[in-house]
């Protein structure tokens, strides 16, 4: 067996980089870490999911750059697992494989009318304004007056805030150019954010909720009756502060700003309506009441009372789910890779030397930093298996042999130096306008820059 343990990480988002960092810290020159991503660009949701007006959050990539600078680390961008390289081919060449692919697909409610034009998963909208190549071709009709965002988490708030930012607030961001132009000329005047439960059960973080009250051109409205259901402040610190913030919004007098975000609680969408041309024109909301189940958990119970809200755009921000990787076990109900203590488990039992990390392991929960602890747990499991000689037993491979194998399967693979060339190019494009970067959104264009052309 090779004295050096070779580890493949599939996915280059936060959880993948944190896992790589923990491995390199623990094993140093005793391991090599090869990271694969289907895009030429790394960093996952830090690049394509964090809202453009949150540049400080994106600065975490400096930590990832430090990991990438380790002599035992290699990046293979523009290499698709299951197409360019297969599960069995990597199992035959690496001592361990860590799946860090995240949960790229948006969940949907499954209500009538979801197929109408103007009805989208929030993941499509987020990917669009962030310039993700998979979503760059979408066209959102922003000539409408009202949008409805379904969900009570930070993604819902991000969507609402991006629709309400004025030209000045957008100007200093790395929003994709085509989205920047569309958002600047948007006619959307009101966004209604709908949650099926109450303020105390909302999944917003305090800073995200507070940001809504600082928008230059939009005020926040909370129906007072929406906060009335909270008889007393909850014990949870974040939930308690959320309720306090929401009560403050409910008591604010109108400010006269031209746009408005309405936070609507205790309501569930039951149908999306369309006009004669198949475009969204409204949403039916059913009023809920809160009840406690046998375990004391609070849930929403429909009352039967409904109303119809006119809207021309609907975004569903109700969560993410993973997509199955060829040859890798997948739980279609939960949308994650099934694991036992971070180890991949299939119908045939544990998969030796295979691990999962991040959202594809635990589901879409937590913030970017949550993945650091999650990655440590995964690496700890891998190191325990290394100590017990429970990793894979591949044929001996040199660095050159592995790189030749990848080049044979994808001659246009992008090393980290290629990404750094893309990064410099984007930053230089943004410098003239005082923006962090102007993103490339087409893979072919990225590849040209990565090749130095």
Protein backbone atom coordinates (compact mmCIF):
# COMPACT_ATOMS: atom_id res chain seq x y z
CA UNK A 1 0.00 0.00 0.00
CA UNK A 2 1.20 3.53 -0.75
CA UNK A 3 2.92 5.20 2.22
CA UNK A 4 1.02 8.35 1.18
CA UNK A 5 -2.75 8.19 1.53
CA UNK A 6 -4.57 9.62 -1.47
CA UNK A 7 -7.92 11.24 -0.77
CA UNK A 8 -10.42 12.56 -3.31
CA UNK A 9 -12.93 15.26 -2.36
CA UNK A 10 -15.90 15.69 -4.69
CA UNK A 11 -17.08 19.30 -4.46
CA UNK A 12 -15.19 22.49 -3.65
CA UNK A 13 -17.57 24.41 -1.41
CA UNK A 14 -16.98 25.28 2.25
CA UNK A 15 -17.43 21.74 3.59
CA UNK A 16 -15.00 20.34 1.01
CA UNK A 17 -12.34 22.94 1.77
CA UNK A 18 -12.74 22.57 5.53
CA UNK A 19 -12.35 18.78 5.15
CA UNK A 20 -9.23 19.31 3.03
CA UNK A 21 -7.80 21.68 5.61
CA UNK A 22 -8.40 19.26 8.50
CA UNK A 23 -6.83 16.39 6.53
CA UNK A 24 -3.74 18.34 5.60
CA UNK A 25 -3.32 19.58 9.17
CA UNK A 26 -3.64 16.04 10.53
CA UNK A 27 -1.58 14.12 7.96
CA UNK A 28 0.61 16.78 6.32
CA UNK A 29 2.89 15.20 3.73
CA UNK A 30 1.42 11.81 4.62
CA UNK A 31 -1.54 12.46 2.33
CA UNK A 32 -2.47 14.07 -0.95
CA UNK A 33 -5.84 15.73 -1.40
CA UNK A 34 -7.33 15.97 -4.89
CA UNK A 35 -10.44 18.14 -5.06
CA UNK A 36 -12.85 17.82 -7.99
CA UNK A 37 -15.57 20.21 -9.12
CA UNK A 38 -17.72 20.19 -12.22
CA UNK A 39 -17.28 23.96 -12.59
CA UNK A 40 -13.97 25.66 -13.44
CA UNK A 41 -14.48 27.83 -10.34
CA UNK A 42 -14.30 26.63 -6.70
CA UNK A 43 -15.99 27.75 -3.46
CA UNK A 44 -19.53 26.51 -4.09
CA UNK A 45 -22.24 28.58 -2.42
CA UNK A 46 -19.73 31.18 -1.24
CA UNK A 47 -19.47 32.19 -4.90
CA UNK A 48 -22.93 31.30 -6.16
CA UNK A 49 -25.18 31.38 -3.09
CA UNK A 50 -24.09 34.21 -0.78
CA UNK A 51 -25.95 37.41 -1.65
CA UNK A 52 -23.82 39.90 -3.64
CA UNK A 53 -24.34 42.62 -1.04
CA UNK A 54 -22.62 40.45 1.61
CA UNK A 55 -18.95 40.73 0.58
CA UNK A 56 -17.62 40.19 4.12
CA UNK A 57 -19.06 36.69 4.18
CA UNK A 58 -17.26 35.90 0.95
CA UNK A 59 -13.90 36.85 2.47
CA UNK A 60 -13.82 33.35 4.00
CA UNK A 61 -12.30 32.23 0.68
CA UNK A 62 -8.95 33.50 1.96
CA UNK A 63 -8.94 30.51 4.31
CA UNK A 64 -9.66 28.20 1.37
CA UNK A 65 -6.86 29.79 -0.67
CA UNK A 66 -4.44 28.98 2.15
CA UNK A 67 -5.54 25.34 2.05
CA UNK A 68 -5.16 25.28 -1.72
CA UNK A 69 -1.58 26.53 -1.37
CA UNK A 70 -0.51 23.36 0.46
CA UNK A 71 1.98 21.28 -1.53
CA UNK A 72 -0.19 18.17 -1.10
CA UNK A 73 -3.37 19.78 -2.49
CA UNK A 74 -4.55 19.74 -6.11
CA UNK A 75 -7.71 21.16 -7.68
CA UNK A 76 -9.32 19.62 -10.77
CA UNK A 77 -12.03 22.01 -11.95
CA UNK A 78 -14.33 21.38 -14.91
CA UNK A 79 -14.33 17.65 -14.08
CA UNK A 80 -17.77 16.09 -13.60
CA UNK A 81 -18.10 13.11 -11.28
CA UNK A 82 -20.10 10.38 -13.00
CA UNK A 83 -19.31 11.69 -16.49
CA UNK A 84 -15.63 12.50 -16.84
CA UNK A 85 -14.63 10.17 -14.00
CA UNK A 86 -16.71 7.39 -12.51
CA UNK A 87 -17.25 6.21 -8.97
CA UNK A 88 -15.47 2.92 -9.66
CA UNK A 89 -12.50 4.65 -11.29
CA UNK A 90 -11.92 6.81 -8.23
CA UNK A 91 -12.44 3.90 -5.83
CA UNK A 92 -9.66 2.09 -7.72
CA UNK A 93 -7.26 5.03 -7.38
CA UNK A 94 -7.86 6.61 -3.95
CA UNK A 95 -7.71 5.41 -0.36
CA UNK A 96 -10.78 7.48 0.52
CA UNK A 97 -13.45 9.60 -1.16
CA UNK A 98 -15.31 12.43 0.56
CA UNK A 99 -18.54 13.67 -1.04
CA UNK A 100 -18.98 17.41 -0.47
CA UNK A 101 -21.41 18.23 -3.26
CA UNK A 102 -23.99 20.13 -1.22
CA UNK A 103 -27.71 20.19 -2.00
CA UNK A 104 -28.09 22.03 -5.30
CA UNK A 105 -31.79 21.52 -6.02
CA UNK A 106 -34.60 23.61 -4.60
CA UNK A 107 -37.55 21.96 -2.90
CA UNK A 108 -41.05 22.71 -4.14
CA UNK A 109 -44.40 22.59 -2.34
CA UNK A 110 -46.13 20.49 -4.96
CA UNK A 111 -49.17 22.79 -5.20
CA UNK A 112 -51.21 23.47 -8.36
CA UNK A 113 -49.78 26.14 -10.65
CA UNK A 114 -46.07 25.57 -9.99
CA UNK A 115 -45.50 24.99 -13.70
CA UNK A 116 -46.68 28.49 -14.65
CA UNK A 117 -44.32 31.08 -16.10
CA UNK A 118 -43.15 33.29 -13.27
CA UNK A 119 -43.13 30.45 -10.71
CA UNK A 120 -39.59 29.48 -9.68
CA UNK A 121 -37.55 27.75 -7.04
CA UNK A 122 -35.57 30.38 -5.15
CA UNK A 123 -32.40 28.45 -6.04
CA UNK A 124 -32.94 29.46 -9.67
CA UNK A 125 -33.22 33.13 -8.73
CA UNK A 126 -30.19 33.01 -6.41
CA UNK A 127 -28.09 31.25 -9.04
CA UNK A 128 -29.24 33.76 -11.65
CA UNK A 129 -28.25 36.93 -9.81
CA UNK A 130 -24.99 35.30 -8.70
CA UNK A 131 -23.98 34.37 -12.24
CA UNK A 132 -23.96 30.58 -11.84
CA UNK A 133 -23.50 29.05 -15.32
CA UNK A 134 -26.46 26.69 -14.78
CA UNK A 135 -28.80 29.64 -14.19
CA UNK A 136 -27.32 32.44 -16.28
CA UNK A 137 -29.78 31.80 -19.10
CA UNK A 138 -32.91 32.25 -16.97
CA UNK A 139 -35.20 35.18 -17.66
CA UNK A 140 -37.21 36.62 -14.78
CA UNK A 141 -40.08 38.94 -15.58
CA UNK A 142 -39.49 41.90 -13.27
CA UNK A 143 -42.08 44.11 -14.97
CA UNK A 144 -44.63 42.99 -12.36
CA UNK A 145 -45.65 45.07 -9.34
CA UNK A 146 -45.74 42.37 -6.65
CA UNK A 147 -43.69 39.25 -5.92
CA UNK A 148 -44.44 36.55 -3.36
CA UNK A 149 -41.55 34.73 -1.68
CA UNK A 150 -42.57 31.54 0.10
CA UNK A 151 -40.39 30.62 3.06
CA UNK A 152 -39.14 31.95 6.39
CA UNK A 153 -35.39 31.47 6.20
CA UNK A 154 -32.40 33.53 5.14
CA UNK A 155 -32.74 32.56 1.48
CA UNK A 156 -36.24 34.04 1.45
CA UNK A 157 -34.88 37.25 2.96
CA UNK A 158 -32.01 37.34 0.44
CA UNK A 159 -34.47 37.06 -2.44
CA UNK A 160 -36.71 39.79 -1.03
CA UNK A 161 -33.78 42.09 -0.34
CA UNK A 162 -32.24 41.63 -3.80
CA UNK A 163 -35.58 42.54 -5.38
CA UNK A 164 -35.78 45.69 -3.26
CA UNK A 165 -32.20 47.05 -3.44
CA UNK A 166 -31.98 50.35 -5.29
CA UNK A 167 -29.45 51.13 -8.02
CA UNK A 168 -26.98 52.66 -5.58
CA UNK A 169 -27.01 49.63 -3.30
CA UNK A 170 -26.56 47.28 -6.25
CA UNK A 171 -23.76 49.29 -7.86
CA UNK A 172 -20.98 48.14 -5.53
CA UNK A 173 -21.82 44.40 -5.69
CA UNK A 174 -20.66 41.50 -7.83
CA UNK A 175 -24.18 40.79 -9.06
CA UNK A 176 -23.99 39.29 -12.55
CA UNK A 177 -24.11 42.05 -15.17
CA UNK A 178 -27.30 40.82 -16.85
CA UNK A 179 -29.04 40.57 -13.44
CA UNK A 180 -27.70 43.97 -12.43
CA UNK A 181 -29.33 45.54 -15.46
CA UNK A 182 -32.62 43.72 -14.91
CA UNK A 183 -32.80 44.56 -11.19
CA UNK A 184 -32.00 48.23 -11.80
CA UNK A 185 -34.98 48.53 -14.16
CA UNK A 186 -37.29 46.31 -12.08
CA UNK A 187 -40.88 47.45 -11.59
CA UNK A 188 -41.40 45.33 -8.46
CA UNK A 189 -42.76 47.59 -5.72
CA UNK A 190 -43.77 45.04 -3.09
CA UNK A 191 -42.49 41.67 -1.95
CA UNK A 192 -44.66 39.55 0.33
CA UNK A 193 -42.65 36.99 2.32
CA UNK A 194 -44.96 34.20 3.47
CA UNK A 195 -44.37 31.82 6.38
CA UNK A 196 -46.70 29.01 7.39
CA UNK A 197 -45.88 29.36 11.11
CA UNK A 198 -45.33 32.35 13.39
CA UNK A 199 -42.47 34.77 14.09
CA UNK A 200 -41.08 32.62 16.91
CA UNK A 201 -40.65 29.68 14.54
CA UNK A 202 -39.04 31.63 11.68
CA UNK A 203 -35.54 30.48 10.70
CA UNK A 204 -34.13 33.95 10.01
CA UNK A 205 -30.85 34.91 11.63
CA UNK A 206 -30.93 38.20 13.53
CA UNK A 207 -28.49 40.14 11.26
CA UNK A 208 -30.38 39.15 8.10
CA UNK A 209 -33.69 40.26 9.60
CA UNK A 210 -32.23 43.56 10.82
CA UNK A 211 -30.81 44.31 7.36
CA UNK A 212 -34.30 44.58 5.92
CA UNK A 213 -34.90 47.70 8.01
CA UNK A 214 -31.83 49.42 6.54
CA UNK A 215 -32.77 49.35 2.86
CA UNK A 216 -32.59 52.72 1.15
CA UNK A 217 -35.76 52.41 -0.93
CA UNK A 218 -37.94 49.87 0.87
CA UNK A 219 -39.69 49.79 4.22
CA UNK A 220 -40.68 46.70 6.17
CA UNK A 221 -44.26 45.99 7.16
CA UNK A 222 -45.31 43.29 9.63
CA UNK A 223 -48.95 42.66 10.27
CA UNK A 224 -49.46 43.28 14.04
CA UNK A 225 -51.70 40.24 14.30
CA UNK A 226 -48.79 38.16 13.00
CA UNK A 227 -46.84 38.94 16.16
CA UNK A 228 -49.83 38.71 18.46
CA UNK A 229 -49.70 34.91 18.49
CA UNK A 230 -46.47 35.06 20.53
CA UNK A 231 -47.85 35.18 24.07
CA UNK A 232 -44.36 35.42 25.52
CA UNK A 233 -40.86 35.62 24.16
CA UNK A 234 -39.35 32.21 23.31
CA UNK A 235 -36.42 30.77 25.27
CA UNK A 236 -34.22 30.43 22.19
CA UNK A 237 -31.96 33.49 21.99
CA UNK A 238 -32.13 33.91 18.22
CA UNK A 239 -35.90 33.38 18.10
CA UNK A 240 -36.39 35.80 21.00
CA UNK A 241 -34.43 38.51 19.20
CA UNK A 242 -36.28 37.82 15.94
CA UNK A 243 -39.61 38.40 17.68
CA UNK A 244 -38.31 41.63 19.20
CA UNK A 245 -37.13 42.85 15.77
CA UNK A 246 -40.44 41.92 14.14
CA UNK A 247 -42.45 43.67 16.84
CA UNK A 248 -40.33 46.74 16.21
CA UNK A 249 -41.14 46.61 12.51
CA UNK A 250 -44.85 46.16 13.27
CA UNK A 251 -44.81 49.37 15.34
CA UNK A 252 -42.92 51.50 12.83
CA UNK A 253 -44.93 54.24 11.13
CA UNK A 254 -44.80 54.32 7.31
CA UNK A 255 -41.62 56.03 6.09
CA UNK A 256 -42.78 56.97 2.60
CA UNK A 257 -40.21 54.83 0.80
CA UNK A 258 -41.34 53.76 -2.68
CA UNK A 259 -41.02 50.02 -2.09
CA UNK A 260 -42.21 47.66 0.61
CA UNK A 261 -41.44 44.23 2.06
CA UNK A 262 -44.39 42.63 3.84
CA UNK A 263 -43.62 39.84 6.30
CA UNK A 264 -46.70 37.64 6.46
CA UNK A 265 -46.99 34.84 9.03
CA UNK A 266 -49.47 32.00 9.66
CA UNK A 267 -50.28 31.52 5.98
CA UNK A 268 -49.71 28.64 3.55
CA UNK A 269 -49.90 28.87 -0.25
CA UNK A 270 -52.36 26.34 -1.63
CA UNK A 271 -52.45 27.30 -5.31
CA UNK A 272 -50.63 29.51 -7.80
CA UNK A 273 -52.94 31.07 -10.37
CA UNK A 274 -52.22 31.92 -13.98
CA UNK A 275 -53.69 34.21 -16.62
CA UNK A 276 -54.85 33.20 -20.08
CA UNK A 277 -51.27 33.23 -21.35
CA UNK A 278 -49.96 30.88 -18.66
CA UNK A 279 -48.23 33.53 -16.55
CA UNK A 280 -48.48 33.79 -12.78
CA UNK A 281 -51.11 36.30 -11.68
CA UNK A 282 -51.83 35.38 -8.06
CA UNK A 283 -51.48 33.04 -5.09
CA UNK A 284 -54.14 31.61 -2.77
CA UNK A 285 -53.09 31.72 0.89
CA UNK A 286 -54.80 29.71 3.60
CA UNK A 287 -54.73 31.08 7.13
CA UNK A 288 -53.14 28.88 9.81
CA UNK A 289 -53.22 28.60 13.56
CA UNK A 290 -50.49 27.19 15.77
CA UNK A 291 -51.01 23.99 17.72
CA UNK A 292 -48.67 21.81 19.75
CA UNK A 293 -48.38 18.11 18.90
CA UNK A 294 -47.99 15.28 21.41
CA UNK A 295 -44.26 15.98 21.69
CA UNK A 296 -44.78 19.68 22.31
CA UNK A 297 -43.57 20.74 18.86
CA UNK A 298 -45.44 23.69 17.36
CA UNK A 299 -46.99 23.13 13.97
CA UNK A 300 -49.31 25.03 11.66
CA UNK A 301 -52.90 23.87 11.27
CA UNK A 302 -55.04 25.25 8.43
CA UNK A 303 -58.22 27.04 9.45
CA UNK A 304 -59.98 26.89 6.10
CA UNK A 305 -60.02 30.67 5.66
CA UNK A 306 -58.39 31.73 2.39
CA UNK A 307 -57.56 34.83 0.42
CA UNK A 308 -56.05 35.48 -2.99
CA UNK A 309 -53.02 37.74 -3.35
CA UNK A 310 -52.25 39.23 -6.75
CA UNK A 311 -48.63 38.66 -7.83
CA UNK A 312 -46.68 38.23 -11.05
CA UNK A 313 -43.66 36.42 -9.59
CA UNK A 314 -43.48 33.56 -7.08
CA UNK A 315 -40.25 32.25 -5.56
CA UNK A 316 -40.28 29.15 -3.36
CA UNK A 317 -37.53 29.32 -0.72
CA UNK A 318 -38.53 26.31 1.34
CA UNK A 319 -35.24 24.44 1.38
CA UNK A 320 -32.73 22.50 -0.68
CA UNK A 321 -32.21 18.86 -1.53
CA UNK A 322 -29.28 16.92 -2.93
CA UNK A 323 -29.00 15.24 -6.31
CA UNK A 324 -27.95 11.61 -6.67
CA UNK A 325 -24.38 10.95 -7.75
CA UNK A 326 -23.88 7.94 -10.07
CA UNK A 327 -22.77 4.93 -8.06
CA UNK A 328 -23.29 6.61 -4.67
CA UNK A 329 -26.16 5.74 -2.27
CA UNK A 330 -28.87 8.38 -2.00
CA UNK A 331 -31.97 8.79 0.14
CA UNK A 332 -34.57 10.26 -2.22
CA UNK A 333 -36.91 11.06 0.69
CA UNK A 334 -34.48 13.21 2.68
CA UNK A 335 -32.43 14.35 -0.31
CA UNK A 336 -29.05 13.44 1.24
CA UNK A 337 -26.41 10.70 1.10
CA UNK A 338 -27.21 8.23 3.91
CA UNK A 339 -24.41 8.03 6.47
CA UNK A 340 -23.53 6.51 9.82
CA UNK A 341 -21.08 8.74 11.69
CA UNK A 342 -20.14 10.42 8.36
CA UNK A 343 -19.50 7.04 6.66
CA UNK A 344 -21.56 6.37 3.53
CA UNK A 345 -24.08 3.56 3.96
CA UNK A 346 -26.04 1.89 1.16
CA UNK A 347 -28.62 -0.86 0.98
CA UNK A 348 -25.67 -3.25 0.85
CA UNK A 349 -24.18 -1.85 4.06
CA UNK A 350 -21.28 0.54 4.73
CA UNK A 351 -19.16 1.68 1.78
CA UNK A 352 -15.55 1.26 2.81
CA UNK A 353 -13.48 4.42 2.45
CA UNK A 354 -16.40 6.64 1.42
CA UNK A 355 -17.61 9.62 3.47
CA UNK A 356 -19.94 12.60 3.20
CA UNK A 357 -19.67 16.11 4.59
CA UNK A 358 -21.74 19.28 4.67
CA UNK A 359 -25.30 19.67 3.49
CA UNK A 360 -25.30 16.45 1.47
CA UNK A 361 -24.58 14.64 4.77
CA UNK A 362 -26.74 16.47 7.30
CA UNK A 363 -29.23 18.40 5.15
CA UNK A 364 -29.31 22.14 4.36
CA UNK A 365 -28.87 23.65 7.80
CA UNK A 366 -26.54 26.08 9.51
CA UNK A 367 -24.30 28.82 8.17
CA UNK A 368 -20.96 28.57 6.37
CA UNK A 369 -19.02 28.16 9.60
CA UNK A 370 -21.21 25.22 10.65
CA UNK A 371 -19.44 23.18 7.98
CA UNK A 372 -16.12 23.46 9.80
CA UNK A 373 -17.28 21.32 12.73
CA UNK A 374 -19.11 18.98 10.35
CA UNK A 375 -15.90 18.55 8.33
CA UNK A 376 -13.90 17.79 11.47
CA UNK A 377 -16.37 15.02 12.34
CA UNK A 378 -16.01 13.52 8.87
CA UNK A 379 -12.21 13.70 8.94
CA UNK A 380 -12.15 12.19 12.42
CA UNK A 381 -14.11 9.20 11.09
CA UNK A 382 -11.70 8.86 8.18
CA UNK A 383 -8.65 9.06 10.45
CA UNK A 384 -10.13 6.43 12.75
CA UNK A 385 -10.59 4.13 9.74
CA UNK A 386 -7.04 4.85 8.62
CA UNK A 387 -5.77 3.81 12.05
CA UNK A 388 -7.88 0.63 11.92
CA UNK A 389 -6.83 -0.14 8.31
CA UNK A 390 -10.39 0.23 7.03
CA UNK A 391 -9.71 2.50 4.03
CA UNK A 392 -9.71 1.46 0.38
CA UNK A 393 -6.71 -0.39 -1.03
CA UNK A 394 -6.00 1.14 -4.45
CA UNK A 395 -3.19 0.20 -6.79
CA UNK A 396 -0.08 2.36 -6.24
CA UNK A 397 -0.32 5.62 -8.19
CA UNK A 398 2.07 8.51 -8.68
CA UNK A 399 0.96 12.13 -8.89
CA UNK A 400 1.85 12.10 -12.57
CA UNK A 401 -0.17 8.97 -13.25
CA UNK A 402 -3.26 10.40 -11.58
CA UNK A 403 -2.94 13.70 -13.41
CA UNK A 404 -2.51 11.87 -16.73
CA UNK A 405 -5.66 9.86 -15.97
CA UNK A 406 -7.67 13.04 -15.33
CA UNK A 407 -6.24 14.75 -18.42
CA UNK A 408 -7.22 11.75 -20.54
CA UNK A 409 -10.82 11.98 -19.31
CA UNK A 410 -11.08 15.78 -19.34
CA UNK A 411 -8.33 17.53 -21.26
CA UNK A 412 -9.73 20.94 -20.27
CA UNK A 413 -9.55 20.39 -16.53
CA UNK A 414 -8.70 23.56 -14.59
CA UNK A 415 -6.01 23.58 -11.88
CA UNK A 416 -6.13 26.06 -9.01
CA UNK A 417 -3.76 28.30 -10.95
CA UNK A 418 -6.39 28.41 -13.69
CA UNK A 419 -9.00 29.51 -11.17
CA UNK A 420 -6.62 32.17 -9.89
CA UNK A 421 -6.34 33.51 -13.45
CA UNK A 422 -10.14 33.68 -13.65
CA UNK A 423 -10.23 35.38 -10.26
CA UNK A 424 -7.68 38.04 -11.31
CA UNK A 425 -9.54 38.65 -14.56
CA UNK A 426 -12.88 39.15 -12.81
CA UNK A 427 -11.38 41.46 -10.20
CA UNK A 428 -9.66 43.57 -12.86
CA UNK A 429 -12.94 43.90 -14.76
CA UNK A 430 -14.70 45.13 -11.63
CA UNK A 431 -12.00 47.56 -10.51
CA UNK A 432 -12.91 50.32 -12.96
CA UNK A 433 -16.47 50.48 -11.62
CA UNK A 434 -15.59 50.09 -7.95
CA UNK A 435 -17.03 46.58 -7.81
CA UNK A 436 -15.44 43.49 -6.19
CA UNK A 437 -15.49 41.69 -9.53
CA UNK A 438 -17.41 41.29 -12.76
CA UNK A 439 -18.18 37.60 -12.97
CA UNK A 440 -17.73 35.37 -15.97
CA UNK A 441 -20.91 33.34 -16.35
CA UNK A 442 -20.12 31.06 -19.31
CA UNK A 443 -17.93 27.99 -18.81
CA UNK A 444 -16.21 28.36 -22.19
CA UNK A 445 -15.20 31.91 -21.36
CA UNK A 446 -13.84 30.75 -18.00
CA UNK A 447 -11.81 28.04 -19.73
CA UNK A 448 -10.29 30.54 -22.14
CA UNK A 449 -9.12 32.74 -19.26
CA UNK A 450 -7.87 29.73 -17.30
CA UNK A 451 -5.73 28.73 -20.29
CA UNK A 452 -4.20 32.20 -20.34
CA UNK A 453 -5.88 33.33 -23.54
